[in-house]
């Protein structure tokens, strides 16, 4: 018995379309990848060329920044320094060939006259007396303090110092000391000075 031939299977149109789309997708992806790489290479070349131009001074960035005022832009301005303000005045130069006339010498400034001193305020007699009394009181305090210092010293140590002072000063110190201390000091003075101080004390002389 003869074998029956199977009818040829019908081809699935969906499988054909899927198989056709796969290479197309691969081709698109490859194209995009190549285009991206090409753009990156172009950007790198452009950036390298720009850097080389700036480095070798083919492009003056400062001049461009000043010309287009790039420092005033919000984002780009951070990379450019603002030009410093100058206080120079514009000077008009004479045309070429014109003779320059010397500038007139500045007039000598007169020396400033000193301001007159304010007149001293008039002091009343009562205030003057009060000042003199206060000065005498302070002087008496100083003399009393010196008298206490010399009284605490030994007579043979105090007399060489007192010999270097004038008579009114020595009299003022002795007048503030007790008689026993004065007697010890007078015994160590030179006879002539002791006699002179005695006469002054007798006459009631002080400083």
C-alpha atoms as a PDB file:
ATOM      1  CA  UNK A   1       0.000   0.000   0.000  1.00  0.00           C
ATOM      2  CA  UNK A   2       1.514   3.242  -1.072  1.00  0.00           C
ATOM      3  CA  UNK A   3       2.375   5.773   1.658  1.00  0.00           C
ATOM      4  CA  UNK A   4       0.342   8.921   1.720  1.00  0.00           C
ATOM      5  CA  UNK A   5       2.357  12.071   1.208  1.00  0.00           C
ATOM      6  CA  UNK A   6       1.938  14.616   3.946  1.00  0.00           C
ATOM      7  CA  UNK A   7       0.850  17.948   2.708  1.00  0.00           C
ATOM      8  CA  UNK A   8       3.587  20.575   2.986  1.00  0.00           C
ATOM      9  CA  UNK A   9       3.285  22.576   6.179  1.00  0.00           C
ATOM     10  CA  UNK A  10       2.245  26.114   5.757  1.00  0.00           C
ATOM     11  CA  UNK A  11       4.902  28.634   6.773  1.00  0.00           C
ATOM     12  CA  UNK A  12       4.038  30.873   9.749  1.00  0.00           C
ATOM     13  CA  UNK A  13       4.147  34.518   8.641  1.00  0.00           C
ATOM     14  CA  UNK A  14       4.625  35.719  12.261  1.00  0.00           C
ATOM     15  CA  UNK A  15       7.879  33.823  12.655  1.00  0.00           C
ATOM     16  CA  UNK A  16       9.229  35.351   9.468  1.00  0.00           C
ATOM     17  CA  UNK A  17       8.438  38.879  10.631  1.00  0.00           C
ATOM     18  CA  UNK A  18      10.067  38.284  14.054  1.00  0.00           C
ATOM     19  CA  UNK A  19      13.194  36.873  12.401  1.00  0.00           C
ATOM     20  CA  UNK A  20      13.334  39.880  10.079  1.00  0.00           C
ATOM     21  CA  UNK A  21      12.940  42.386  12.950  1.00  0.00           C
ATOM     22  CA  UNK A  22      15.835  40.952  14.996  1.00  0.00           C
ATOM     23  CA  UNK A  23      18.599  41.948  12.545  1.00  0.00           C
ATOM     24  CA  UNK A  24      16.949  45.333  12.069  1.00  0.00           C
ATOM     25  CA  UNK A  25      17.089  45.992  15.842  1.00  0.00           C
ATOM     26  CA  UNK A  26      20.731  44.913  15.949  1.00  0.00           C
ATOM     27  CA  UNK A  27      21.511  47.227  13.061  1.00  0.00           C
ATOM     28  CA  UNK A  28      19.819  50.170  14.834  1.00  0.00           C
ATOM     29  CA  UNK A  29      21.627  49.524  18.101  1.00  0.00           C
ATOM     30  CA  UNK A  30      24.959  49.263  16.308  1.00  0.00           C
ATOM     31  CA  UNK A  31      24.272  52.506  14.448  1.00  0.00           C
ATOM     32  CA  UNK A  32      23.373  54.364  17.662  1.00  0.00           C
ATOM     33  CA  UNK A  33      26.480  53.042  19.407  1.00  0.00           C
ATOM     34  CA  UNK A  34      28.710  54.104  16.534  1.00  0.00           C
ATOM     35  CA  UNK A  35      27.074  57.532  16.359  1.00  0.00           C
ATOM     36  CA  UNK A  36      27.528  58.049  20.106  1.00  0.00           C
ATOM     37  CA  UNK A  37      31.181  57.043  19.968  1.00  0.00           C
ATOM     38  CA  UNK A  38      31.722  59.324  16.993  1.00  0.00           C
ATOM     39  CA  UNK A  39      30.168  62.270  18.838  1.00  0.00           C
ATOM     40  CA  UNK A  40      32.313  61.565  21.907  1.00  0.00           C
ATOM     41  CA  UNK A  41      35.443  61.483  19.801  1.00  0.00           C
ATOM     42  CA  UNK A  42      34.435  64.763  18.152  1.00  0.00           C
ATOM     43  CA  UNK A  43      33.801  66.392  21.544  1.00  0.00           C
ATOM     44  CA  UNK A  44      37.160  65.183  22.854  1.00  0.00           C
ATOM     45  CA  UNK A  45      38.926  66.522  19.790  1.00  0.00           C
ATOM     46  CA  UNK A  46      37.126  69.849  20.048  1.00  0.00           C
ATOM     47  CA  UNK A  47      37.894  70.128  23.761  1.00  0.00           C
ATOM     48  CA  UNK A  48      41.535  69.208  23.244  1.00  0.00           C
ATOM     49  CA  UNK A  49      41.871  71.735  20.438  1.00  0.00           C
ATOM     50  CA  UNK A  50      40.293  74.462  22.561  1.00  0.00           C
ATOM     51  CA  UNK A  51      42.582  73.658  25.501  1.00  0.00           C
ATOM     52  CA  UNK A  52      45.649  73.706  23.249  1.00  0.00           C
ATOM     53  CA  UNK A  53      44.563  77.034  21.734  1.00  0.00           C
ATOM     54  CA  UNK A  54      44.152  78.590  25.176  1.00  0.00           C
ATOM     55  CA  UNK A  55      47.365  77.042  26.506  1.00  0.00           C
ATOM     56  CA  UNK A  56      49.483  78.283  23.622  1.00  0.00           C
ATOM     57  CA  UNK A  57      47.762  81.710  23.726  1.00  0.00           C
ATOM     58  CA  UNK A  58      46.122  81.373  20.305  1.00  0.00           C
ATOM     59  CA  UNK A  59      42.870  82.428  21.994  1.00  0.00           C
ATOM     60  CA  UNK A  60      42.931  85.202  24.611  1.00  0.00           C
ATOM     61  CA  UNK A  61      40.270  84.244  27.156  1.00  0.00           C
ATOM     62  CA  UNK A  62      40.711  87.441  29.177  1.00  0.00           C
ATOM     63  CA  UNK A  63      40.115  89.621  26.141  1.00  0.00           C
ATOM     64  CA  UNK A  64      37.025  87.643  25.185  1.00  0.00           C
ATOM     65  CA  UNK A  65      35.701  87.830  28.736  1.00  0.00           C
ATOM     66  CA  UNK A  66      36.216  91.585  28.832  1.00  0.00           C
ATOM     67  CA  UNK A  67      34.725  92.088  25.377  1.00  0.00           C
ATOM     68  CA  UNK A  68      31.556  90.063  25.956  1.00  0.00           C
ATOM     69  CA  UNK A  69      31.353  90.813  29.703  1.00  0.00           C
ATOM     70  CA  UNK A  70      31.225  87.115  30.577  1.00  0.00           C
ATOM     71  CA  UNK A  71      31.732  87.822  34.275  1.00  0.00           C
ATOM     72  CA  UNK A  72      28.209  89.255  34.529  1.00  0.00           C
ATOM     73  CA  UNK A  73      26.473  86.014  33.515  1.00  0.00           C
ATOM     74  CA  UNK A  74      25.160  83.951  36.433  1.00  0.00           C
ATOM     75  CA  UNK A  75      26.727  80.545  35.703  1.00  0.00           C
ATOM     76  CA  UNK A  76      29.641  81.348  33.424  1.00  0.00           C
ATOM     77  CA  UNK A  77      30.615  84.398  35.473  1.00  0.00           C
ATOM     78  CA  UNK A  78      31.990  82.232  38.273  1.00  0.00           C
ATOM     79  CA  UNK A  79      34.912  81.250  36.067  1.00  0.00           C
ATOM     80  CA  UNK A  80      35.859  84.805  35.109  1.00  0.00           C
ATOM     81  CA  UNK A  81      37.116  87.495  37.460  1.00  0.00           C
ATOM     82  CA  UNK A  82      35.323  90.808  37.362  1.00  0.00           C
ATOM     83  CA  UNK A  83      37.571  93.642  36.151  1.00  0.00           C
ATOM     84  CA  UNK A  84      38.773  95.781  39.028  1.00  0.00           C
ATOM     85  CA  UNK A  85      37.377  99.288  39.141  1.00  0.00           C
ATOM     86  CA  UNK A  86      39.975 101.942  38.429  1.00  0.00           C
ATOM     87  CA  UNK A  87      40.014 105.565  39.485  1.00  0.00           C
ATOM     88  CA  UNK A  88      42.029 106.714  36.488  1.00  0.00           C
ATOM     89  CA  UNK A  89      40.739 109.714  34.624  1.00  0.00           C
ATOM     90  CA  UNK A  90      40.793 109.752  30.876  1.00  0.00           C
ATOM     91  CA  UNK A  91      43.490 112.030  29.513  1.00  0.00           C
ATOM     92  CA  UNK A  92      43.309 113.522  26.075  1.00  0.00           C
ATOM     93  CA  UNK A  93      46.621 113.235  24.281  1.00  0.00           C
ATOM     94  CA  UNK A  94      47.674 116.069  21.977  1.00  0.00           C
ATOM     95  CA  UNK A  95      47.822 115.259  18.271  1.00  0.00           C
ATOM     96  CA  UNK A  96      51.116 114.077  16.910  1.00  0.00           C
ATOM     97  CA  UNK A  97      53.488 116.871  15.990  1.00  0.00           C
ATOM     98  CA  UNK A  98      51.953 119.337  18.434  1.00  0.00           C
ATOM     99  CA  UNK A  99      54.365 120.828  20.918  1.00  0.00           C
ATOM    100  CA  UNK A 100      53.710 119.976  24.494  1.00  0.00           C
ATOM    101  CA  UNK A 101      53.343 123.001  26.722  1.00  0.00           C
ATOM    102  CA  UNK A 102      54.698 122.504  30.219  1.00  0.00           C
ATOM    103  CA  UNK A 103      52.060 122.387  32.890  1.00  0.00           C
ATOM    104  CA  UNK A 104      52.051 125.420  35.184  1.00  0.00           C
ATOM    105  CA  UNK A 105      53.748 124.814  38.502  1.00  0.00           C
ATOM    106  CA  UNK A 106      51.294 124.535  41.375  1.00  0.00           C
ATOM    107  CA  UNK A 107      51.167 127.553  43.596  1.00  0.00           C
ATOM    108  CA  UNK A 108      53.031 127.147  46.834  1.00  0.00           C
ATOM    109  CA  UNK A 109      50.633 126.454  49.600  1.00  0.00           C
ATOM    110  CA  UNK A 110      50.842 128.822  52.478  1.00  0.00           C
ATOM    111  CA  UNK A 111      51.730 127.248  55.787  1.00  0.00           C
ATOM    112  CA  UNK A 112      48.623 126.845  57.888  1.00  0.00           C
ATOM    113  CA  UNK A 113      48.467 129.433  60.605  1.00  0.00           C
ATOM    114  CA  UNK A 114      48.184 127.881  64.042  1.00  0.00           C
ATOM    115  CA  UNK A 115      44.852 128.375  65.688  1.00  0.00           C
ATOM    116  CA  UNK A 116      44.996 130.877  68.505  1.00  0.00           C
ATOM    117  CA  UNK A 117      45.128 129.252  71.912  1.00  0.00           C
ATOM    118  CA  UNK A 118      41.902 129.607  73.827  1.00  0.00           C
ATOM    119  CA  UNK A 119      42.034 132.251  76.461  1.00  0.00           C
ATOM    120  CA  UNK A 120      42.584 130.849  79.929  1.00  0.00           C
ATOM    121  CA  UNK A 121      39.451 130.910  81.957  1.00  0.00           C
ATOM    122  CA  UNK A 122      39.548 133.491  84.685  1.00  0.00           C
ATOM    123  CA  UNK A 123      40.249 131.891  88.089  1.00  0.00           C
ATOM    124  CA  UNK A 124      38.500 133.402  91.026  1.00  0.00           C
ATOM    125  CA  UNK A 125      40.600 134.315  94.107  1.00  0.00           C
ATOM    126  CA  UNK A 126      38.761 131.772  96.237  1.00  0.00           C
ATOM    127  CA  UNK A 127      39.546 128.986  93.770  1.00  0.00           C
ATOM    128  CA  UNK A 128      43.195 130.070  93.619  1.00  0.00           C
ATOM    129  CA  UNK A 129      43.454 129.963  97.414  1.00  0.00           C
ATOM    130  CA  UNK A 130      41.859 126.541  97.462  1.00  0.00           C
ATOM    131  CA  UNK A 131      44.395 125.257  94.947  1.00  0.00           C
ATOM    132  CA  UNK A 132      47.327 126.655  96.923  1.00  0.00           C
ATOM    133  CA  UNK A 133      46.009 125.131 100.134  1.00  0.00           C
ATOM    134  CA  UNK A 134      45.619 121.759  98.467  1.00  0.00           C
ATOM    135  CA  UNK A 135      49.161 121.937  97.055  1.00  0.00           C
ATOM    136  CA  UNK A 136      50.582 122.801 100.484  1.00  0.00           C
ATOM    137  CA  UNK A 137      48.642 119.954 102.058  1.00  0.00           C
ATOM    138  CA  UNK A 138      50.007 117.440  99.537  1.00  0.00           C
ATOM    139  CA  UNK A 139      53.529 118.786 100.064  1.00  0.00           C
ATOM    140  CA  UNK A 140      53.174 118.414 103.823  1.00  0.00           C
ATOM    141  CA  UNK A 141      52.097 114.786 103.351  1.00  0.00           C
ATOM    142  CA  UNK A 142      55.170 114.091 101.248  1.00  0.00           C
ATOM    143  CA  UNK A 143      57.490 115.700 103.810  1.00  0.00           C
ATOM    144  CA  UNK A 144      55.900 113.730 106.655  1.00  0.00           C
ATOM    145  CA  UNK A 145      56.403 110.507 104.734  1.00  0.00           C
ATOM    146  CA  UNK A 146      60.072 111.336 104.123  1.00  0.00           C
ATOM    147  CA  UNK A 147      60.515 112.197 107.815  1.00  0.00           C
ATOM    148  CA  UNK A 148      59.141 108.782 108.800  1.00  0.00           C
ATOM    149  CA  UNK A 149      61.487 107.062 106.337  1.00  0.00           C
ATOM    150  CA  UNK A 150      64.576 108.841 107.707  1.00  0.00           C
ATOM    151  CA  UNK A 151      63.446 108.243 111.303  1.00  0.00           C
ATOM    152  CA  UNK A 152      63.389 104.505 110.680  1.00  0.00           C
ATOM    153  CA  UNK A 153      66.943 104.605 109.293  1.00  0.00           C
ATOM    154  CA  UNK A 154      70.044 104.552 111.470  1.00  0.00           C
ATOM    155  CA  UNK A 155      71.468 108.057 112.044  1.00  0.00           C
ATOM    156  CA  UNK A 156      74.880 107.172 110.570  1.00  0.00           C
ATOM    157  CA  UNK A 157      73.073 105.944 107.385  1.00  0.00           C
ATOM    158  CA  UNK A 158      70.666 108.880 107.131  1.00  0.00           C
ATOM    159  CA  UNK A 159      73.199 111.712 107.593  1.00  0.00           C
ATOM    160  CA  UNK A 160      75.296 110.971 104.421  1.00  0.00           C
ATOM    161  CA  UNK A 161      72.067 111.188 102.402  1.00  0.00           C
ATOM    162  CA  UNK A 162      70.883 114.362 104.120  1.00  0.00           C
ATOM    163  CA  UNK A 163      74.288 115.939 103.436  1.00  0.00           C
ATOM    164  CA  UNK A 164      73.485 115.717  99.717  1.00  0.00           C
ATOM    165  CA  UNK A 165      70.273 117.765 100.159  1.00  0.00           C
ATOM    166  CA  UNK A 166      69.972 121.530 100.464  1.00  0.00           C
ATOM    167  CA  UNK A 167      69.292 123.218 103.794  1.00  0.00           C
ATOM    168  CA  UNK A 168      65.563 124.048 103.239  1.00  0.00           C
ATOM    169  CA  UNK A 169      64.795 120.410 102.392  1.00  0.00           C
ATOM    170  CA  UNK A 170      66.704 119.119 105.435  1.00  0.00           C
ATOM    171  CA  UNK A 171      64.935 121.680 107.669  1.00  0.00           C
ATOM    172  CA  UNK A 172      61.522 120.596 106.357  1.00  0.00           C
ATOM    173  CA  UNK A 173      62.324 116.940 107.151  1.00  0.00           C
ATOM    174  CA  UNK A 174      63.792 117.722 110.608  1.00  0.00           C
ATOM    175  CA  UNK A 175      60.736 119.826 111.532  1.00  0.00           C
ATOM    176  CA  UNK A 176      58.538 116.736 111.067  1.00  0.00           C
ATOM    177  CA  UNK A 177      60.736 114.516 113.255  1.00  0.00           C
ATOM    178  CA  UNK A 178      60.846 114.158 117.029  1.00  0.00           C
ATOM    179  CA  UNK A 179      63.498 116.052 119.033  1.00  0.00           C
ATOM    180  CA  UNK A 180      65.372 112.911 120.095  1.00  0.00           C
ATOM    181  CA  UNK A 181      65.769 111.816 116.472  1.00  0.00           C
ATOM    182  CA  UNK A 182      66.835 115.314 115.395  1.00  0.00           C
ATOM    183  CA  UNK A 183      69.472 115.391 118.183  1.00  0.00           C
ATOM    184  CA  UNK A 184      71.018 112.120 116.977  1.00  0.00           C
ATOM    185  CA  UNK A 185      71.176 113.403 113.401  1.00  0.00           C
ATOM    186  CA  UNK A 186      72.557 116.854 114.337  1.00  0.00           C
ATOM    187  CA  UNK A 187      75.404 115.245 116.286  1.00  0.00           C
ATOM    188  CA  UNK A 188      76.582 113.524 113.110  1.00  0.00           C
ATOM    189  CA  UNK A 189      76.397 116.593 110.854  1.00  0.00           C
ATOM    190  CA  UNK A 190      79.448 118.695 110.125  1.00  0.00           C
ATOM    191  CA  UNK A 191      79.844 121.368 112.808  1.00  0.00           C
ATOM    192  CA  UNK A 192      79.410 124.251 110.371  1.00  0.00           C
ATOM    193  CA  UNK A 193      76.255 122.780 108.809  1.00  0.00           C
ATOM    194  CA  UNK A 194      74.834 121.845 112.205  1.00  0.00           C
ATOM    195  CA  UNK A 195      75.362 125.447 113.341  1.00  0.00           C
ATOM    196  CA  UNK A 196      73.767 126.801 110.174  1.00  0.00           C
ATOM    197  CA  UNK A 197      70.743 124.501 110.502  1.00  0.00           C
ATOM    198  CA  UNK A 198      70.462 125.501 114.172  1.00  0.00           C
ATOM    199  CA  UNK A 199      70.299 129.185 113.269  1.00  0.00           C
ATOM    200  CA  UNK A 200      67.669 128.515 110.613  1.00  0.00           C
ATOM    201  CA  UNK A 201      65.606 126.480 113.070  1.00  0.00           C
ATOM    202  CA  UNK A 202      65.916 129.293 115.598  1.00  0.00           C
ATOM    203  CA  UNK A 203      64.621 131.788 113.039  1.00  0.00           C
ATOM    204  CA  UNK A 204      61.740 129.424 112.222  1.00  0.00           C
ATOM    205  CA  UNK A 205      62.799 128.864 108.632  1.00  0.00           C
ATOM    206  CA  UNK A 206      61.238 126.066 106.686  1.00  0.00           C
ATOM    207  CA  UNK A 207      61.186 125.170 103.001  1.00  0.00           C
END
